[in-house]
Amino acid sequence: MTEKQFRNEKLYLVTMKMAKALLKKGTMSADEYKQIDMIFLEKYKPSMGVLFSDVNLTVLEKREICDMEGVKECLKSQS
């Protein structure tokens, strides 16, 4: 991995961590988050960062529900 590729990996991951924080706060909608993810995937072209990309937002939303409600309530809501 070159220095530029490593830099791009870091920039993508940090940017998306900030975006995810805004999404969790409700400051950003899921559609806006998805757009930002696509924009920064194109801009930084991370080779490993795509493994962490939240392309499937329904999984993210379910995970947030589980984090907020606890395991038992989460399992009830998904069944």
PDB file of N, CA and C in Angstrom:
ATOM      1  N   MET A   1       0.851  -1.173   0.000  1.00  0.00           N
ATOM      2  CA  MET A   1       0.000   0.000   0.000  1.00  0.00           C
ATOM      3  C   MET A   1       0.897   1.236   0.000  1.00  0.00           C
ATOM      4  N   THR A   2       0.598   2.145  -0.889  1.00  0.00           N
ATOM      5  CA  THR A   2       1.386   3.378  -0.959  1.00  0.00           C
ATOM      6  C   THR A   2       0.951   4.357   0.132  1.00  0.00           C
ATOM      7  N   GLU A   3       1.759   5.391   0.330  1.00  0.00           N
ATOM      8  CA  GLU A   3       1.415   6.430   1.311  1.00  0.00           C
ATOM      9  C   GLU A   3       0.086   7.105   0.952  1.00  0.00           C
ATOM     10  N   LYS A   4      -0.123   7.344  -0.341  1.00  0.00           N
ATOM     11  CA  LYS A   4      -1.363   7.989  -0.776  1.00  0.00           C
ATOM     12  C   LYS A   4      -2.568   7.087  -0.493  1.00  0.00           C
ATOM     13  N   GLN A   5      -2.455   5.804  -0.776  1.00  0.00           N
ATOM     14  CA  GLN A   5      -3.546   4.869  -0.507  1.00  0.00           C
ATOM     15  C   GLN A   5      -3.843   4.802   0.994  1.00  0.00           C
ATOM     16  N   PHE A   6      -2.798   4.782   1.801  1.00  0.00           N
ATOM     17  CA  PHE A   6      -2.976   4.738   3.247  1.00  0.00           C
ATOM     18  C   PHE A   6      -3.665   6.011   3.740  1.00  0.00           C
ATOM     19  N   ARG A   7      -3.245   7.143   3.214  1.00  0.00           N
ATOM     20  CA  ARG A   7      -3.862   8.425   3.565  1.00  0.00           C
ATOM     21  C   ARG A   7      -5.341   8.417   3.200  1.00  0.00           C
ATOM     22  N   ASN A   8      -5.667   7.944   2.006  1.00  0.00           N
ATOM     23  CA  ASN A   8      -7.057   7.886   1.558  1.00  0.00           C
ATOM     24  C   ASN A   8      -7.895   6.955   2.429  1.00  0.00           C
ATOM     25  N   GLU A   9      -7.314   5.837   2.849  1.00  0.00           N
ATOM     26  CA  GLU A   9      -8.019   4.918   3.754  1.00  0.00           C
ATOM     27  C   GLU A   9      -8.391   5.644   5.044  1.00  0.00           C
ATOM     28  N   LYS A  10      -7.409   6.318   5.624  1.00  0.00           N
ATOM     29  CA  LYS A  10      -7.640   7.036   6.880  1.00  0.00           C
ATOM     30  C   LYS A  10      -8.687   8.129   6.708  1.00  0.00           C
ATOM     31  N   LEU A  11      -8.566   8.910   5.635  1.00  0.00           N
ATOM     32  CA  LEU A  11      -9.515  10.002   5.409  1.00  0.00           C
ATOM     33  C   LEU A  11     -10.937   9.486   5.227  1.00  0.00           C
ATOM     34  N   TYR A  12     -11.085   8.400   4.488  1.00  0.00           N
ATOM     35  CA  TYR A  12     -12.416   7.830   4.287  1.00  0.00           C
ATOM     36  C   TYR A  12     -13.009   7.359   5.614  1.00  0.00           C
ATOM     37  N   LEU A  13     -12.236   6.602   6.376  1.00  0.00           N
ATOM     38  CA  LEU A  13     -12.747   6.045   7.627  1.00  0.00           C
ATOM     39  C   LEU A  13     -13.090   7.135   8.645  1.00  0.00           C
ATOM     40  N   VAL A  14     -12.257   8.155   8.746  1.00  0.00           N
ATOM     41  CA  VAL A  14     -12.528   9.253   9.683  1.00  0.00           C
ATOM     42  C   VAL A  14     -13.757  10.033   9.244  1.00  0.00           C
ATOM     43  N   THR A  15     -13.855  10.317   7.962  1.00  0.00           N
ATOM     44  CA  THR A  15     -15.007  11.045   7.440  1.00  0.00           C
ATOM     45  C   THR A  15     -16.298  10.298   7.708  1.00  0.00           C
ATOM     46  N   MET A  16     -16.298   9.001   7.456  1.00  0.00           N
ATOM     47  CA  MET A  16     -17.519   8.221   7.647  1.00  0.00           C
ATOM     48  C   MET A  16     -17.840   8.018   9.125  1.00  0.00           C
ATOM     49  N   LYS A  17     -16.835   8.017   9.976  1.00  0.00           N
ATOM     50  CA  LYS A  17     -17.097   7.933  11.415  1.00  0.00           C
ATOM     51  C   LYS A  17     -17.837   9.189  11.880  1.00  0.00           C
ATOM     52  N   MET A  18     -17.426  10.343  11.364  1.00  0.00           N
ATOM     53  CA  MET A  18     -18.116  11.593  11.714  1.00  0.00           C
ATOM     54  C   MET A  18     -19.536  11.596  11.154  1.00  0.00           C
ATOM     55  N   ALA A  19     -19.695  11.118   9.924  1.00  0.00           N
ATOM     56  CA  ALA A  19     -21.022  11.069   9.320  1.00  0.00           C
ATOM     57  C   ALA A  19     -21.934  10.124  10.092  1.00  0.00           C
ATOM     58  N   LYS A  20     -21.391   9.006  10.539  1.00  0.00           N
ATOM     59  CA  LYS A  20     -22.187   8.040  11.297  1.00  0.00           C
ATOM     60  C   LYS A  20     -22.647   8.640  12.629  1.00  0.00           C
ATOM     61  N   ALA A  21     -21.786   9.457  13.241  1.00  0.00           N
ATOM     62  CA  ALA A  21     -22.160  10.122  14.493  1.00  0.00           C
ATOM     63  C   ALA A  21     -23.336  11.079  14.246  1.00  0.00           C
ATOM     64  N   LEU A  22     -23.298  11.798  13.126  1.00  0.00           N
ATOM     65  CA  LEU A  22     -24.406  12.700  12.783  1.00  0.00           C
ATOM     66  C   LEU A  22     -25.685  11.915  12.511  1.00  0.00           C
ATOM     67  N   LEU A  23     -25.553  10.769  11.868  1.00  0.00           N
ATOM     68  CA  LEU A  23     -26.704   9.914  11.596  1.00  0.00           C
ATOM     69  C   LEU A  23     -27.333   9.425  12.905  1.00  0.00           C
ATOM     70  N   LYS A  24     -26.508   8.988  13.825  1.00  0.00           N
ATOM     71  CA  LYS A  24     -27.015   8.489  15.112  1.00  0.00           C
ATOM     72  C   LYS A  24     -27.696   9.584  15.918  1.00  0.00           C
ATOM     73  N   LYS A  25     -27.180  10.814  15.808  1.00  0.00           N
ATOM     74  CA  LYS A  25     -27.783  11.948  16.524  1.00  0.00           C
ATOM     75  C   LYS A  25     -29.097  12.383  15.894  1.00  0.00           C
ATOM     76  N   GLY A  26     -29.325  11.982  14.662  1.00  0.00           N
ATOM     77  CA  GLY A  26     -30.530  12.403  13.962  1.00  0.00           C
ATOM     78  C   GLY A  26     -30.330  13.696  13.195  1.00  0.00           C
ATOM     79  N   THR A  27     -29.113  14.195  13.167  1.00  0.00           N
ATOM     80  CA  THR A  27     -28.786  15.417  12.438  1.00  0.00           C
ATOM     81  C   THR A  27     -28.774  15.173  10.933  1.00  0.00           C
ATOM     82  N   MET A  28     -28.533  13.934  10.554  1.00  0.00           N
ATOM     83  CA  MET A  28     -28.455  13.543   9.151  1.00  0.00           C
ATOM     84  C   MET A  28     -29.417  12.387   8.915  1.00  0.00           C
ATOM     85  N   SER A  29     -30.073  12.399   7.770  1.00  0.00           N
ATOM     86  CA  SER A  29     -30.992  11.306   7.431  1.00  0.00           C
ATOM     87  C   SER A  29     -30.202  10.133   6.844  1.00  0.00           C
ATOM     88  N   ALA A  30     -30.846   8.979   6.794  1.00  0.00           N
ATOM     89  CA  ALA A  30     -30.216   7.792   6.213  1.00  0.00           C
ATOM     90  C   ALA A  30     -29.901   8.007   4.736  1.00  0.00           C
ATOM     91  N   ASP A  31     -30.769   8.723   4.027  1.00  0.00           N
ATOM     92  CA  ASP A  31     -30.506   9.013   2.608  1.00  0.00           C
ATOM     93  C   ASP A  31     -29.288   9.909   2.441  1.00  0.00           C
ATOM     94  N   GLU A  32     -29.166  10.920   3.301  1.00  0.00           N
ATOM     95  CA  GLU A  32     -28.000  11.802   3.245  1.00  0.00           C
ATOM     96  C   GLU A  32     -26.728  11.033   3.558  1.00  0.00           C
ATOM     97  N   TYR A  33     -26.808  10.151   4.538  1.00  0.00           N
ATOM     98  CA  TYR A  33     -25.645   9.334   4.902  1.00  0.00           C
ATOM     99  C   TYR A  33     -25.217   8.464   3.715  1.00  0.00           C
ATOM    100  N   LYS A  34     -26.181   7.867   3.071  1.00  0.00           N
ATOM    101  CA  LYS A  34     -25.884   7.005   1.916  1.00  0.00           C
ATOM    102  C   LYS A  34     -25.220   7.817   0.799  1.00  0.00           C
ATOM    103  N   GLN A  35     -25.720   9.027   0.563  1.00  0.00           N
ATOM    104  CA  GLN A  35     -25.126   9.892  -0.467  1.00  0.00           C
ATOM    105  C   GLN A  35     -23.686  10.246  -0.115  1.00  0.00           C
ATOM    106  N   ILE A  36     -23.459  10.600   1.144  1.00  0.00           N
ATOM    107  CA  ILE A  36     -22.104  10.953   1.577  1.00  0.00           C
ATOM    108  C   ILE A  36     -21.175   9.758   1.440  1.00  0.00           C
ATOM    109  N   ASP A  37     -21.652   8.588   1.811  1.00  0.00           N
ATOM    110  CA  ASP A  37     -20.843   7.382   1.680  1.00  0.00           C
ATOM    111  C   ASP A  37     -20.434   7.168   0.232  1.00  0.00           C
ATOM    112  N   MET A  38     -21.365   7.316  -0.673  1.00  0.00           N
ATOM    113  CA  MET A  38     -21.074   7.117  -2.101  1.00  0.00           C
ATOM    114  C   MET A  38     -20.087   8.174  -2.615  1.00  0.00           C
ATOM    115  N   ILE A  39     -20.271   9.414  -2.186  1.00  0.00           N
ATOM    116  CA  ILE A  39     -19.384  10.500  -2.623  1.00  0.00           C
ATOM    117  C   ILE A  39     -17.948  10.239  -2.165  1.00  0.00           C
ATOM    118  N   PHE A  40     -17.791   9.866  -0.888  1.00  0.00           N
ATOM    119  CA  PHE A  40     -16.441   9.671  -0.369  1.00  0.00           C
ATOM    120  C   PHE A  40     -15.823   8.349  -0.805  1.00  0.00           C
ATOM    121  N   LEU A  41     -16.631   7.357  -1.132  1.00  0.00           N
ATOM    122  CA  LEU A  41     -16.079   6.147  -1.752  1.00  0.00           C
ATOM    123  C   LEU A  41     -15.471   6.500  -3.106  1.00  0.00           C
ATOM    124  N   GLU A  42     -16.167   7.349  -3.850  1.00  0.00           N
ATOM    125  CA  GLU A  42     -15.669   7.776  -5.161  1.00  0.00           C
ATOM    126  C   GLU A  42     -14.437   8.662  -5.012  1.00  0.00           C
ATOM    127  N   LYS A  43     -14.466   9.571  -4.049  1.00  0.00           N
ATOM    128  CA  LYS A  43     -13.359  10.518  -3.879  1.00  0.00           C
ATOM    129  C   LYS A  43     -12.074   9.829  -3.418  1.00  0.00           C
ATOM    130  N   TYR A  44     -12.169   9.007  -2.365  1.00  0.00           N
ATOM    131  CA  TYR A  44     -10.972   8.415  -1.772  1.00  0.00           C
ATOM    132  C   TYR A  44     -10.609   7.051  -2.341  1.00  0.00           C
ATOM    133  N   LYS A  45     -11.564   6.375  -2.950  1.00  0.00           N
ATOM    134  CA  LYS A  45     -11.334   5.052  -3.529  1.00  0.00           C
ATOM    135  C   LYS A  45     -10.552   4.139  -2.568  1.00  0.00           C
ATOM    136  N   PRO A  46     -11.082   3.954  -1.358  1.00  0.00           N
ATOM    137  CA  PRO A  46     -10.356   3.118  -0.400  1.00  0.00           C
ATOM    138  C   PRO A  46     -10.386   1.655  -0.812  1.00  0.00           C
ATOM    139  N   SER A  47      -9.258   0.985  -0.652  1.00  0.00           N
ATOM    140  CA  SER A  47      -9.235  -0.435  -1.022  1.00  0.00           C
ATOM    141  C   SER A  47      -9.789  -1.296   0.105  1.00  0.00           C
ATOM    142  N   MET A  48      -9.486  -0.955   1.355  1.00  0.00           N
ATOM    143  CA  MET A  48      -9.999  -1.726   2.479  1.00  0.00           C
ATOM    144  C   MET A  48     -11.226  -1.067   3.102  1.00  0.00           C
ATOM    145  N   GLY A  49     -11.358   0.229   2.953  1.00  0.00           N
ATOM    146  CA  GLY A  49     -12.472   0.963   3.551  1.00  0.00           C
ATOM    147  C   GLY A  49     -13.827   0.500   3.073  1.00  0.00           C
ATOM    148  N   VAL A  50     -13.901  -0.028   1.857  1.00  0.00           N
ATOM    149  CA  VAL A  50     -15.179  -0.516   1.349  1.00  0.00           C
ATOM    150  C   VAL A  50     -15.703  -1.673   2.178  1.00  0.00           C
ATOM    151  N   LEU A  51     -14.829  -2.351   2.873  1.00  0.00           N
ATOM    152  CA  LEU A  51     -15.276  -3.424   3.752  1.00  0.00           C
ATOM    153  C   LEU A  51     -16.113  -2.873   4.896  1.00  0.00           C
ATOM    154  N   PHE A  52     -15.879  -1.603   5.240  1.00  0.00           N
ATOM    155  CA  PHE A  52     -16.584  -0.973   6.346  1.00  0.00           C
ATOM    156  C   PHE A  52     -17.693  -0.059   5.881  1.00  0.00           C
ATOM    157  N   SER A  53     -17.910   0.030   4.591  1.00  0.00           N
ATOM    158  CA  SER A  53     -18.941   0.899   4.041  1.00  0.00           C
ATOM    159  C   SER A  53     -20.320   0.416   4.465  1.00  0.00           C
ATOM    160  N   ASP A  54     -21.185   1.371   4.831  1.00  0.00           N
ATOM    161  CA  ASP A  54     -22.546   1.035   5.274  1.00  0.00           C
ATOM    162  C   ASP A  54     -23.520   1.112   4.104  1.00  0.00           C
ATOM    163  N   VAL A  55     -23.242   0.330   3.076  1.00  0.00           N
ATOM    164  CA  VAL A  55     -24.119   0.315   1.922  1.00  0.00           C
ATOM    165  C   VAL A  55     -25.485  -0.245   2.292  1.00  0.00           C
ATOM    166  N   ASN A  56     -25.525  -1.259   3.135  1.00  0.00           N
ATOM    167  CA  ASN A  56     -26.791  -1.850   3.549  1.00  0.00           C
ATOM    168  C   ASN A  56     -27.272  -1.157   4.823  1.00  0.00           C
ATOM    169  N   LEU A  57     -28.020  -0.082   4.671  1.00  0.00           N
ATOM    170  CA  LEU A  57     -28.448   0.713   5.809  1.00  0.00           C
ATOM    171  C   LEU A  57     -29.497   0.013   6.657  1.00  0.00           C
ATOM    172  N   THR A  58     -30.214  -0.963   6.112  1.00  0.00           N
ATOM    173  CA  THR A  58     -31.204  -1.663   6.930  1.00  0.00           C
ATOM    174  C   THR A  58     -30.506  -2.450   8.034  1.00  0.00           C
ATOM    175  N   VAL A  59     -29.339  -2.989   7.749  1.00  0.00           N
ATOM    176  CA  VAL A  59     -28.569  -3.685   8.774  1.00  0.00           C
ATOM    177  C   VAL A  59     -28.120  -2.691   9.828  1.00  0.00           C
ATOM    178  N   LEU A  60     -27.665  -1.514   9.408  1.00  0.00           N
ATOM    179  CA  LEU A  60     -27.250  -0.476  10.340  1.00  0.00           C
ATOM    180  C   LEU A  60     -28.407  -0.064  11.237  1.00  0.00           C
ATOM    181  N   GLU A  61     -29.578   0.130  10.661  1.00  0.00           N
ATOM    182  CA  GLU A  61     -30.731   0.548  11.449  1.00  0.00           C
ATOM    183  C   GLU A  61     -31.101  -0.522  12.469  1.00  0.00           C
ATOM    184  N   LYS A  62     -31.080  -1.797  12.087  1.00  0.00           N
ATOM    185  CA  LYS A  62     -31.393  -2.880  13.020  1.00  0.00           C
ATOM    186  C   LYS A  62     -30.369  -2.925  14.142  1.00  0.00           C
ATOM    187  N   ARG A  63     -29.088  -2.707  13.801  1.00  0.00           N
ATOM    188  CA  ARG A  63     -28.041  -2.731  14.812  1.00  0.00           C
ATOM    189  C   ARG A  63     -28.253  -1.591  15.809  1.00  0.00           C
ATOM    190  N   GLU A  64     -28.646  -0.408  15.331  1.00  0.00           N
ATOM    191  CA  GLU A  64     -28.890   0.718  16.229  1.00  0.00           C
ATOM    192  C   GLU A  64     -30.077   0.430  17.141  1.00  0.00           C
ATOM    193  N   ILE A  65     -31.124  -0.191  16.599  1.00  0.00           N
ATOM    194  CA  ILE A  65     -32.280  -0.551  17.418  1.00  0.00           C
ATOM    195  C   ILE A  65     -31.832  -1.521  18.507  1.00  0.00           C
ATOM    196  N   CYS A  66     -31.012  -2.489  18.146  1.00  0.00           N
ATOM    197  CA  CYS A  66     -30.523  -3.454  19.134  1.00  0.00           C
ATOM    198  C   CYS A  66     -29.690  -2.756  20.201  1.00  0.00           C
ATOM    199  N   ASP A  67     -28.853  -1.816  19.804  1.00  0.00           N
ATOM    200  CA  ASP A  67     -28.020  -1.109  20.770  1.00  0.00           C
ATOM    201  C   ASP A  67     -28.862  -0.295  21.734  1.00  0.00           C
ATOM    202  N   MET A  68     -29.953   0.280  21.262  1.00  0.00           N
ATOM    203  CA  MET A  68     -30.774   1.134  22.101  1.00  0.00           C
ATOM    204  C   MET A  68     -31.694   0.332  23.007  1.00  0.00           C
ATOM    205  N   GLU A  69     -32.246  -0.738  22.514  1.00  0.00           N
ATOM    206  CA  GLU A  69     -33.267  -1.463  23.258  1.00  0.00           C
ATOM    207  C   GLU A  69     -32.717  -2.635  24.055  1.00  0.00           C
ATOM    208  N   GLY A  70     -31.548  -3.071  23.790  1.00  0.00           N
ATOM    209  CA  GLY A  70     -31.002  -4.240  24.460  1.00  0.00           C
ATOM    210  C   GLY A  70     -31.303  -5.499  23.673  1.00  0.00           C
ATOM    211  N   VAL A  71     -30.620  -6.563  24.003  1.00  0.00           N
ATOM    212  CA  VAL A  71     -30.690  -7.793  23.221  1.00  0.00           C
ATOM    213  C   VAL A  71     -32.072  -8.424  23.246  1.00  0.00           C
ATOM    214  N   LYS A  72     -32.703  -8.573  24.414  1.00  0.00           N
ATOM    215  CA  LYS A  72     -33.992  -9.245  24.499  1.00  0.00           C
ATOM    216  C   LYS A  72     -35.055  -8.529  23.688  1.00  0.00           C
ATOM    217  N   GLU A  73     -35.146  -7.209  23.850  1.00  0.00           N
ATOM    218  CA  GLU A  73     -36.158  -6.452  23.111  1.00  0.00           C
ATOM    219  C   GLU A  73     -35.872  -6.485  21.609  1.00  0.00           C
ATOM    220  N   CYS A  74     -34.611  -6.467  21.266  1.00  0.00           N
ATOM    221  CA  CYS A  74     -34.225  -6.516  19.858  1.00  0.00           C
ATOM    222  C   CYS A  74     -34.657  -7.835  19.232  1.00  0.00           C
ATOM    223  N   LEU A  75     -34.417  -8.911  19.914  1.00  0.00           N
ATOM    224  CA  LEU A  75     -34.796 -10.217  19.394  1.00  0.00           C
ATOM    225  C   LEU A  75     -36.313 -10.317  19.234  1.00  0.00           C
ATOM    226  N   LYS A  76     -37.053  -9.745  20.173  1.00  0.00           N
ATOM    227  CA  LYS A  76     -38.519  -9.746  20.081  1.00  0.00           C
ATOM    228  C   LYS A  76     -38.977  -8.969  18.860  1.00  0.00           C
ATOM    229  N   SER A  77     -38.363  -7.804  18.614  1.00  0.00           N
ATOM    230  CA  SER A  77     -38.800  -6.950  17.517  1.00  0.00           C
ATOM    231  C   SER A  77     -38.472  -7.536  16.148  1.00  0.00           C
ATOM    232  N   GLN A  78     -37.462  -8.391  16.085  1.00  0.00           N
ATOM    233  CA  GLN A  78     -37.075  -8.968  14.804  1.00  0.00           C
ATOM    234  C   GLN A  78     -37.787 -10.262  14.501  1.00  0.00           C
ATOM    235  N   SER A  79     -38.477 -10.832  15.477  1.00  0.00           N
ATOM    236  CA  SER A  79     -39.147 -12.111  15.221  1.00  0.00           C
ATOM    237  C   SER A  79     -40.579 -11.895  14.766  1.00  0.00           C
TER     238      SER A  79
END
